[in-house]
N, C-alpha and C. Protein backbone atom coordinates (compact mmCIF):
# COMPACT_ATOMS: atom_id res chain seq x y z
N MET A 1 10.13 22.17 -15.41
CA MET A 1 8.97 21.38 -15.81
C MET A 1 7.71 22.07 -15.34
N ASN A 2 6.75 22.17 -16.21
CA ASN A 2 5.47 22.80 -15.91
C ASN A 2 4.68 21.90 -14.96
N PRO A 3 4.34 22.39 -13.75
CA PRO A 3 3.54 21.55 -12.85
C PRO A 3 2.20 21.23 -13.49
N GLU A 4 1.84 19.98 -13.49
CA GLU A 4 0.60 19.54 -14.11
C GLU A 4 -0.13 18.63 -13.13
N PHE A 5 -1.41 18.90 -12.96
CA PHE A 5 -2.22 18.14 -12.02
C PHE A 5 -3.36 17.50 -12.78
N SER A 6 -3.63 16.24 -12.51
CA SER A 6 -4.74 15.54 -13.15
C SER A 6 -5.94 15.55 -12.23
N ARG A 7 -7.11 15.42 -12.83
CA ARG A 7 -8.37 15.43 -12.10
C ARG A 7 -8.96 14.03 -12.10
N GLU A 8 -9.63 13.70 -11.04
CA GLU A 8 -10.31 12.41 -10.97
C GLU A 8 -11.79 12.68 -10.76
N ALA A 9 -12.62 12.10 -11.60
CA ALA A 9 -14.06 12.30 -11.47
C ALA A 9 -14.58 11.56 -10.25
N LYS A 10 -15.46 12.22 -9.53
CA LYS A 10 -16.09 11.60 -8.37
C LYS A 10 -17.59 11.54 -8.64
N ILE A 11 -18.15 10.36 -8.58
CA ILE A 11 -19.57 10.12 -8.82
C ILE A 11 -20.00 10.70 -10.17
N GLY A 12 -19.17 10.50 -11.20
CA GLY A 12 -19.54 10.88 -12.55
C GLY A 12 -19.38 12.35 -12.90
N VAL A 13 -18.88 13.18 -11.99
CA VAL A 13 -18.73 14.61 -12.27
C VAL A 13 -17.33 15.05 -11.85
N SER A 14 -16.64 15.73 -12.74
CA SER A 14 -15.33 16.30 -12.41
C SER A 14 -15.52 17.79 -12.19
N VAL A 15 -15.07 18.29 -11.04
CA VAL A 15 -15.29 19.68 -10.66
C VAL A 15 -13.96 20.36 -10.39
N VAL A 16 -13.79 21.56 -10.92
CA VAL A 16 -12.66 22.43 -10.59
C VAL A 16 -13.28 23.70 -10.04
N ASP A 17 -13.04 23.98 -8.77
CA ASP A 17 -13.68 25.16 -8.19
C ASP A 17 -12.80 26.41 -8.32
N THR A 18 -13.38 27.56 -8.00
CA THR A 18 -12.70 28.85 -8.13
C THR A 18 -11.42 28.89 -7.31
N LYS A 19 -11.45 28.31 -6.12
CA LYS A 19 -10.27 28.30 -5.26
C LYS A 19 -9.11 27.58 -5.95
N GLU A 20 -9.39 26.44 -6.58
CA GLU A 20 -8.34 25.68 -7.28
C GLU A 20 -7.78 26.48 -8.46
N ILE A 21 -8.67 27.13 -9.20
CA ILE A 21 -8.23 27.90 -10.36
C ILE A 21 -7.35 29.06 -9.93
N LYS A 22 -7.78 29.79 -8.91
CA LYS A 22 -6.98 30.92 -8.41
C LYS A 22 -5.66 30.42 -7.82
N GLY A 23 -5.68 29.27 -7.16
CA GLY A 23 -4.47 28.68 -6.60
C GLY A 23 -3.46 28.30 -7.67
N LEU A 24 -3.95 28.02 -8.87
CA LEU A 24 -3.08 27.66 -9.98
C LEU A 24 -2.12 28.81 -10.30
N THR A 25 -2.59 30.04 -10.19
CA THR A 25 -1.74 31.20 -10.43
C THR A 25 -0.60 31.25 -9.41
N GLU A 26 -0.90 30.94 -8.17
CA GLU A 26 0.15 30.93 -7.14
C GLU A 26 1.18 29.84 -7.40
N ILE A 27 0.71 28.71 -7.88
CA ILE A 27 1.63 27.62 -8.23
C ILE A 27 2.53 28.07 -9.39
N ALA A 28 1.94 28.75 -10.38
CA ALA A 28 2.71 29.24 -11.52
C ALA A 28 3.79 30.23 -11.06
N ARG A 29 3.46 31.08 -10.10
CA ARG A 29 4.44 32.07 -9.61
C ARG A 29 5.69 31.40 -9.04
N SER A 30 5.53 30.23 -8.42
CA SER A 30 6.67 29.54 -7.80
C SER A 30 7.40 28.61 -8.78
N ASN A 31 6.88 28.46 -9.98
CA ASN A 31 7.48 27.58 -10.98
C ASN A 31 8.45 28.39 -11.84
N PRO A 32 9.65 27.87 -12.12
CA PRO A 32 10.61 28.60 -12.97
C PRO A 32 10.05 28.97 -14.34
N GLU A 33 9.15 28.15 -14.88
CA GLU A 33 8.56 28.45 -16.20
C GLU A 33 7.40 29.43 -16.10
N LYS A 34 6.99 29.77 -14.88
CA LYS A 34 5.92 30.75 -14.63
C LYS A 34 4.59 30.35 -15.27
N ARG A 35 4.29 29.06 -15.15
CA ARG A 35 2.99 28.55 -15.60
C ARG A 35 2.67 27.27 -14.85
N ALA A 36 1.40 26.89 -14.87
CA ALA A 36 0.95 25.65 -14.23
C ALA A 36 -0.32 25.19 -14.94
N THR A 37 -0.61 23.91 -14.84
CA THR A 37 -1.71 23.30 -15.59
C THR A 37 -2.49 22.33 -14.73
N ILE A 38 -3.81 22.33 -14.91
CA ILE A 38 -4.68 21.27 -14.39
C ILE A 38 -5.21 20.53 -15.61
N THR A 39 -4.92 19.24 -15.71
CA THR A 39 -5.41 18.43 -16.82
C THR A 39 -6.75 17.82 -16.43
N LEU A 40 -7.72 17.99 -17.31
CA LEU A 40 -9.07 17.49 -17.04
C LEU A 40 -9.34 16.13 -17.69
N ASP A 41 -8.42 15.65 -18.50
CA ASP A 41 -8.60 14.35 -19.16
C ASP A 41 -8.64 13.25 -18.11
N ARG A 42 -9.46 12.25 -18.35
CA ARG A 42 -9.55 11.12 -17.43
C ARG A 42 -8.57 10.02 -17.81
N THR A 43 -8.25 9.93 -19.11
CA THR A 43 -7.31 8.90 -19.55
C THR A 43 -6.36 9.49 -20.58
N GLN A 44 -5.18 8.89 -20.69
CA GLN A 44 -4.22 9.29 -21.72
C GLN A 44 -4.80 8.91 -23.08
N GLY A 45 -4.65 9.77 -24.06
CA GLY A 45 -5.09 9.45 -25.41
C GLY A 45 -6.52 9.82 -25.73
N GLU A 46 -7.17 10.61 -24.89
CA GLU A 46 -8.53 11.04 -25.21
C GLU A 46 -8.52 11.88 -26.49
N THR A 47 -9.60 11.80 -27.25
CA THR A 47 -9.67 12.58 -28.49
C THR A 47 -9.99 14.05 -28.22
N LEU A 48 -10.58 14.35 -27.08
CA LEU A 48 -10.85 15.73 -26.68
C LEU A 48 -10.02 16.02 -25.44
N HIS A 49 -8.93 16.75 -25.63
CA HIS A 49 -8.01 17.08 -24.52
C HIS A 49 -8.45 18.41 -23.91
N LYS A 50 -8.53 18.44 -22.56
CA LYS A 50 -8.95 19.65 -21.85
C LYS A 50 -7.98 19.93 -20.72
N GLN A 51 -7.59 21.20 -20.59
CA GLN A 51 -6.73 21.59 -19.47
C GLN A 51 -6.96 23.05 -19.14
N ILE A 52 -6.66 23.41 -17.89
CA ILE A 52 -6.71 24.80 -17.45
C ILE A 52 -5.28 25.22 -17.20
N ASP A 53 -4.89 26.35 -17.79
CA ASP A 53 -3.53 26.86 -17.66
C ASP A 53 -3.53 28.19 -16.92
N ALA A 54 -2.52 28.38 -16.10
CA ALA A 54 -2.20 29.69 -15.52
C ALA A 54 -0.91 30.13 -16.18
N ILE A 55 -0.95 31.30 -16.83
CA ILE A 55 0.20 31.83 -17.56
C ILE A 55 0.44 33.24 -17.05
N LEU A 56 1.67 33.52 -16.66
CA LEU A 56 2.02 34.84 -16.12
C LEU A 56 2.66 35.71 -17.20
N PRO A 57 2.69 37.05 -16.99
CA PRO A 57 3.28 37.93 -18.01
C PRO A 57 4.73 37.60 -18.35
N GLU A 58 5.47 37.02 -17.42
CA GLU A 58 6.86 36.66 -17.71
C GLU A 58 7.01 35.27 -18.31
N THR A 59 5.90 34.61 -18.64
CA THR A 59 5.92 33.28 -19.23
C THR A 59 6.24 33.34 -20.72
N TYR A 60 7.29 32.64 -21.12
CA TYR A 60 7.60 32.49 -22.55
C TYR A 60 7.07 31.13 -23.00
N LEU A 61 6.10 31.17 -23.89
CA LEU A 61 5.59 29.95 -24.51
C LEU A 61 6.17 29.90 -25.93
N ARG A 62 7.04 28.94 -26.16
CA ARG A 62 7.69 28.86 -27.47
C ARG A 62 6.64 28.73 -28.56
N PRO A 63 6.70 29.60 -29.59
CA PRO A 63 5.75 29.48 -30.69
C PRO A 63 5.77 28.06 -31.27
N HIS A 64 4.58 27.58 -31.56
CA HIS A 64 4.42 26.21 -32.04
C HIS A 64 3.15 26.10 -32.86
N SER A 65 2.94 24.93 -33.43
CA SER A 65 1.70 24.64 -34.14
C SER A 65 1.27 23.22 -33.80
N HIS A 66 0.06 22.92 -34.15
CA HIS A 66 -0.49 21.58 -33.95
C HIS A 66 -0.77 21.00 -35.33
N ILE A 67 -0.39 19.75 -35.50
CA ILE A 67 -0.48 19.10 -36.80
C ILE A 67 -1.93 18.79 -37.14
N ASN A 68 -2.26 18.95 -38.43
CA ASN A 68 -3.60 18.64 -38.92
C ASN A 68 -3.93 17.18 -38.56
N PRO A 69 -5.09 16.87 -38.04
CA PRO A 69 -6.30 17.67 -37.98
C PRO A 69 -6.53 18.38 -36.64
N GLN A 70 -5.50 18.53 -35.83
CA GLN A 70 -5.67 19.15 -34.51
C GLN A 70 -5.97 20.64 -34.64
N ARG A 71 -6.82 21.13 -33.76
CA ARG A 71 -7.02 22.56 -33.59
C ARG A 71 -7.27 22.79 -32.12
N LYS A 72 -7.06 24.02 -31.68
CA LYS A 72 -7.16 24.31 -30.25
C LYS A 72 -8.10 25.48 -30.03
N THR A 73 -8.95 25.35 -29.00
CA THR A 73 -9.86 26.41 -28.61
C THR A 73 -9.45 26.92 -27.24
N PHE A 74 -9.42 28.24 -27.09
CA PHE A 74 -9.12 28.88 -25.82
C PHE A 74 -10.37 29.57 -25.30
N VAL A 75 -10.68 29.33 -24.02
CA VAL A 75 -11.79 30.00 -23.34
C VAL A 75 -11.20 30.67 -22.09
N PRO A 76 -10.97 31.99 -22.14
CA PRO A 76 -10.38 32.68 -21.00
C PRO A 76 -11.27 32.62 -19.76
N LEU A 77 -10.64 32.38 -18.62
CA LEU A 77 -11.36 32.36 -17.34
C LEU A 77 -11.03 33.59 -16.50
N GLY A 78 -9.91 34.24 -16.80
CA GLY A 78 -9.50 35.43 -16.08
C GLY A 78 -8.23 36.00 -16.68
N GLY A 79 -8.05 37.31 -16.57
CA GLY A 79 -6.87 37.97 -17.11
C GLY A 79 -6.99 38.22 -18.60
N ILE A 80 -5.90 38.75 -19.17
CA ILE A 80 -5.86 39.10 -20.59
C ILE A 80 -4.54 38.61 -21.17
N ALA A 81 -4.60 38.14 -22.42
CA ALA A 81 -3.39 37.73 -23.14
C ALA A 81 -3.52 38.15 -24.60
N GLU A 82 -2.37 38.22 -25.24
CA GLU A 82 -2.32 38.48 -26.68
C GLU A 82 -2.01 37.15 -27.35
N LEU A 83 -2.90 36.71 -28.24
CA LEU A 83 -2.63 35.53 -29.06
C LEU A 83 -1.96 36.05 -30.33
N VAL A 84 -0.78 35.54 -30.63
CA VAL A 84 0.00 36.02 -31.76
C VAL A 84 0.21 34.87 -32.73
N THR A 85 -0.10 35.11 -34.02
CA THR A 85 0.18 34.11 -35.05
C THR A 85 1.35 34.60 -35.90
N PHE A 86 2.07 33.65 -36.50
CA PHE A 86 3.29 33.95 -37.23
C PHE A 86 3.29 33.29 -38.60
N SER A 87 4.08 33.87 -39.51
CA SER A 87 4.35 33.24 -40.80
C SER A 87 5.37 32.11 -40.58
N ASP A 88 5.63 31.36 -41.63
CA ASP A 88 6.63 30.29 -41.54
C ASP A 88 8.03 30.84 -41.27
N GLU A 89 8.23 32.13 -41.55
CA GLU A 89 9.53 32.77 -41.32
C GLU A 89 9.60 33.45 -39.96
N GLY A 90 8.50 33.45 -39.20
CA GLY A 90 8.51 34.04 -37.87
C GLY A 90 8.02 35.47 -37.79
N GLU A 91 7.50 35.99 -38.89
CA GLU A 91 6.95 37.35 -38.88
C GLU A 91 5.54 37.32 -38.28
N ILE A 92 5.22 38.34 -37.50
CA ILE A 92 3.88 38.42 -36.89
C ILE A 92 2.84 38.63 -37.98
N LEU A 93 1.82 37.78 -38.00
CA LEU A 93 0.72 37.89 -38.95
C LEU A 93 -0.51 38.52 -38.33
N GLN A 94 -0.81 38.13 -37.09
CA GLN A 94 -2.06 38.56 -36.46
C GLN A 94 -1.88 38.62 -34.96
N LYS A 95 -2.57 39.58 -34.34
CA LYS A 95 -2.59 39.70 -32.88
C LYS A 95 -4.06 39.77 -32.47
N VAL A 96 -4.43 38.96 -31.49
CA VAL A 96 -5.80 38.96 -30.98
C VAL A 96 -5.74 39.11 -29.47
N LEU A 97 -6.35 40.17 -28.96
CA LEU A 97 -6.43 40.36 -27.52
C LEU A 97 -7.52 39.43 -26.99
N VAL A 98 -7.15 38.53 -26.08
CA VAL A 98 -8.06 37.49 -25.60
C VAL A 98 -8.33 37.71 -24.11
N GLY A 99 -9.60 37.73 -23.75
CA GLY A 99 -10.00 37.87 -22.36
C GLY A 99 -11.48 37.61 -22.24
N ARG A 100 -11.92 37.30 -21.05
CA ARG A 100 -13.32 36.93 -20.80
C ARG A 100 -14.30 38.00 -21.28
N GLU A 101 -13.94 39.27 -21.09
CA GLU A 101 -14.84 40.37 -21.46
C GLU A 101 -14.51 40.96 -22.83
N ILE A 102 -13.46 40.45 -23.50
CA ILE A 102 -13.02 41.02 -24.78
C ILE A 102 -13.33 40.05 -25.92
N VAL A 103 -12.57 38.97 -25.97
CA VAL A 103 -12.77 37.88 -26.92
C VAL A 103 -12.85 36.62 -26.07
N PRO A 104 -14.07 36.16 -25.77
CA PRO A 104 -14.23 35.05 -24.83
C PRO A 104 -13.96 33.66 -25.39
N VAL A 105 -13.82 33.53 -26.69
CA VAL A 105 -13.51 32.23 -27.29
C VAL A 105 -12.68 32.49 -28.55
N VAL A 106 -11.60 31.74 -28.70
CA VAL A 106 -10.80 31.84 -29.92
C VAL A 106 -10.32 30.44 -30.28
N GLU A 107 -10.34 30.14 -31.58
CA GLU A 107 -9.88 28.83 -32.04
C GLU A 107 -8.69 29.01 -32.97
N VAL A 108 -7.66 28.23 -32.75
CA VAL A 108 -6.46 28.25 -33.59
C VAL A 108 -6.51 27.00 -34.46
N GLU A 109 -6.45 27.22 -35.76
CA GLU A 109 -6.51 26.11 -36.71
C GLU A 109 -5.20 25.32 -36.72
N ALA A 110 -5.27 24.10 -37.19
CA ALA A 110 -4.08 23.26 -37.33
C ALA A 110 -3.06 23.95 -38.23
N ASN A 111 -1.79 23.64 -38.00
CA ASN A 111 -0.68 24.14 -38.82
C ASN A 111 -0.53 25.66 -38.78
N THR A 112 -0.96 26.29 -37.69
CA THR A 112 -0.80 27.73 -37.48
C THR A 112 0.25 27.94 -36.40
N TRP A 113 1.32 28.67 -36.72
CA TRP A 113 2.33 29.01 -35.70
C TRP A 113 1.73 30.07 -34.79
N TYR A 114 1.81 29.84 -33.48
CA TYR A 114 1.23 30.82 -32.56
C TYR A 114 1.88 30.73 -31.18
N THR A 115 1.62 31.76 -30.39
CA THR A 115 1.96 31.78 -28.98
C THR A 115 0.96 32.65 -28.25
N LEU A 116 0.97 32.56 -26.94
CA LEU A 116 0.20 33.46 -26.08
C LEU A 116 1.19 34.27 -25.25
N VAL A 117 0.92 35.57 -25.13
CA VAL A 117 1.71 36.45 -24.28
C VAL A 117 0.74 37.06 -23.27
N ALA A 118 0.88 36.70 -22.02
CA ALA A 118 -0.03 37.19 -20.97
C ALA A 118 0.28 38.65 -20.66
N LEU A 119 -0.78 39.46 -20.58
CA LEU A 119 -0.63 40.86 -20.19
C LEU A 119 -0.87 41.03 -18.70
N SER A 120 -1.52 40.05 -18.12
CA SER A 120 -1.77 39.97 -16.68
C SER A 120 -1.82 38.47 -16.38
N PRO A 121 -1.85 38.07 -15.11
CA PRO A 121 -2.01 36.63 -14.87
C PRO A 121 -3.23 36.12 -15.65
N PHE A 122 -3.00 35.15 -16.51
CA PHE A 122 -4.01 34.70 -17.46
C PHE A 122 -4.39 33.26 -17.15
N LEU A 123 -5.67 33.04 -16.93
CA LEU A 123 -6.21 31.70 -16.69
C LEU A 123 -7.07 31.34 -17.89
N VAL A 124 -6.83 30.16 -18.45
CA VAL A 124 -7.52 29.80 -19.68
C VAL A 124 -7.83 28.31 -19.72
N LEU A 125 -9.01 27.99 -20.21
CA LEU A 125 -9.39 26.61 -20.50
C LEU A 125 -8.99 26.34 -21.94
N GLU A 126 -8.17 25.32 -22.14
CA GLU A 126 -7.76 24.90 -23.48
C GLU A 126 -8.51 23.62 -23.82
N ILE A 127 -9.05 23.59 -25.03
CA ILE A 127 -9.73 22.40 -25.52
C ILE A 127 -9.11 22.07 -26.87
N LYS A 128 -8.62 20.85 -26.99
CA LYS A 128 -7.94 20.45 -28.21
C LYS A 128 -8.60 19.20 -28.76
N VAL A 129 -8.96 19.25 -30.03
CA VAL A 129 -9.54 18.10 -30.71
C VAL A 129 -8.44 17.38 -31.47
N ASN A 130 -8.31 16.08 -31.19
CA ASN A 130 -7.33 15.26 -31.90
C ASN A 130 -7.97 13.90 -32.14
N PRO A 131 -8.49 13.69 -33.36
CA PRO A 131 -9.21 12.44 -33.65
C PRO A 131 -8.40 11.17 -33.38
N THR A 132 -7.08 11.25 -33.41
CA THR A 132 -6.27 10.05 -33.16
C THR A 132 -5.89 9.90 -31.69
N GLY A 133 -6.36 10.82 -30.84
CA GLY A 133 -6.06 10.75 -29.41
C GLY A 133 -4.91 11.66 -29.03
N TYR A 134 -5.01 12.26 -27.87
CA TYR A 134 -4.00 13.20 -27.38
C TYR A 134 -2.76 12.45 -26.92
N ASP A 135 -1.61 12.87 -27.41
CA ASP A 135 -0.32 12.31 -27.01
C ASP A 135 0.61 13.49 -26.75
N LYS A 136 0.87 13.77 -25.47
CA LYS A 136 1.64 14.95 -25.10
C LYS A 136 2.97 15.03 -25.84
N GLY A 137 3.63 13.93 -26.05
CA GLY A 137 4.92 13.92 -26.72
C GLY A 137 4.86 14.24 -28.20
N LYS A 138 3.70 14.05 -28.82
CA LYS A 138 3.55 14.29 -30.26
C LYS A 138 2.54 15.38 -30.54
N ASP A 139 2.21 16.16 -29.53
CA ASP A 139 1.13 17.12 -29.62
C ASP A 139 1.46 18.35 -30.44
N GLU A 140 2.69 18.84 -30.36
CA GLU A 140 3.00 20.12 -30.99
C GLU A 140 4.34 20.07 -31.71
N VAL A 141 4.47 20.96 -32.67
CA VAL A 141 5.71 21.12 -33.42
C VAL A 141 6.20 22.54 -33.12
N PHE A 142 7.43 22.66 -32.63
CA PHE A 142 7.95 23.98 -32.29
C PHE A 142 8.49 24.68 -33.53
N ALA A 143 8.28 25.99 -33.57
CA ALA A 143 8.77 26.80 -34.68
C ALA A 143 10.30 26.77 -34.70
N PRO A 144 10.90 26.45 -35.84
CA PRO A 144 12.36 26.35 -35.90
C PRO A 144 13.08 27.68 -35.65
N TRP A 145 12.40 28.79 -35.87
CA TRP A 145 12.99 30.12 -35.68
C TRP A 145 12.83 30.63 -34.25
N ALA A 146 12.11 29.90 -33.41
CA ALA A 146 11.88 30.34 -32.03
C ALA A 146 12.77 29.55 -31.08
N PRO A 147 13.49 30.23 -30.20
CA PRO A 147 14.41 29.52 -29.30
C PRO A 147 13.69 28.64 -28.28
N GLU A 148 14.40 27.62 -27.86
CA GLU A 148 13.91 26.70 -26.83
C GLU A 148 13.69 27.45 -25.52
N GLU A 149 12.67 27.06 -24.79
CA GLU A 149 12.36 27.69 -23.50
C GLU A 149 13.51 27.51 -22.51
N ARG A 150 13.59 28.45 -21.57
CA ARG A 150 14.57 28.43 -20.48
C ARG A 150 16.02 28.49 -20.98
N THR A 151 16.24 29.33 -22.01
CA THR A 151 17.58 29.59 -22.52
C THR A 151 17.78 31.11 -22.58
N ASP A 152 19.03 31.53 -22.65
CA ASP A 152 19.31 32.96 -22.80
C ASP A 152 18.71 33.50 -24.10
N GLU A 153 18.77 32.70 -25.16
CA GLU A 153 18.21 33.10 -26.44
C GLU A 153 16.71 33.31 -26.34
N ALA A 154 16.04 32.47 -25.56
CA ALA A 154 14.59 32.62 -25.36
C ALA A 154 14.28 33.93 -24.65
N ASP A 155 15.08 34.28 -23.65
CA ASP A 155 14.86 35.55 -22.94
C ASP A 155 14.97 36.73 -23.90
N ILE A 156 15.98 36.71 -24.75
CA ILE A 156 16.18 37.79 -25.72
C ILE A 156 15.03 37.83 -26.72
N TYR A 157 14.65 36.66 -27.25
CA TYR A 157 13.55 36.58 -28.21
C TYR A 157 12.25 37.08 -27.60
N PHE A 158 11.96 36.64 -26.37
CA PHE A 158 10.70 37.01 -25.72
C PHE A 158 10.63 38.52 -25.49
N GLU A 159 11.72 39.13 -25.06
CA GLU A 159 11.72 40.59 -24.86
C GLU A 159 11.54 41.31 -26.19
N SER A 160 12.15 40.79 -27.25
CA SER A 160 11.99 41.37 -28.58
C SER A 160 10.53 41.26 -29.05
N LEU A 161 9.92 40.11 -28.81
CA LEU A 161 8.51 39.91 -29.17
C LEU A 161 7.63 40.87 -28.39
N ARG A 162 7.85 40.99 -27.10
CA ARG A 162 7.06 41.92 -26.27
C ARG A 162 7.21 43.35 -26.79
N GLN A 163 8.42 43.71 -27.20
CA GLN A 163 8.65 45.05 -27.73
C GLN A 163 7.86 45.25 -29.03
N LYS A 164 7.88 44.25 -29.92
CA LYS A 164 7.12 44.33 -31.18
C LYS A 164 5.62 44.46 -30.92
N LEU A 165 5.16 43.89 -29.81
CA LEU A 165 3.74 43.98 -29.44
C LEU A 165 3.42 45.27 -28.69
N GLY A 166 4.45 46.08 -28.44
CA GLY A 166 4.25 47.34 -27.71
C GLY A 166 4.09 47.15 -26.22
N LEU A 167 4.66 46.06 -25.68
CA LEU A 167 4.53 45.76 -24.26
C LEU A 167 5.82 46.12 -23.53
N SER A 168 5.69 46.37 -22.24
CA SER A 168 6.87 46.64 -21.42
C SER A 168 7.62 45.34 -21.16
N PRO A 169 8.89 45.44 -20.74
CA PRO A 169 9.65 44.22 -20.45
C PRO A 169 8.96 43.34 -19.41
N ALA A 170 9.14 42.03 -19.54
CA ALA A 170 8.47 41.08 -18.63
C ALA A 170 9.14 41.01 -17.28
N SER A 171 10.43 41.30 -17.21
CA SER A 171 11.14 41.13 -15.95
C SER A 171 11.20 42.40 -15.13
């Protein structure tokens, strides 16, 4: 399970400091999924969902999409990742190198199969617009051609994807 921490606003302002963000990477290192999240939403079901993620190079994020009208914006806070989009059959369509000094903002449209592959410890602010309210259980649709996380098949798929991207093995 991905460790997730919620924030509570104090005197009308919610603050996440540099120490907390950097600490998120350490939490991700100790998590079997090699990622961790700070949720900035104040209530369940907000129409604007915000979270900070720490994603490590060995993190497999199962390719998925968000149902229309949802779209997601990534704002890198540190590190570099490759955002990869796929066809309905699982073929790579596009690769975008994302990082604070490279591509500081990227938006993924609804109904786009995608994943992130971290090239270094990657810290990112995710902002998701969902007019009907954010519901974690109904938030994403996983690609049928991509294996479930934390399986042997996922390990094989992830190494194959890294190879297609010209990256060294994650382990």
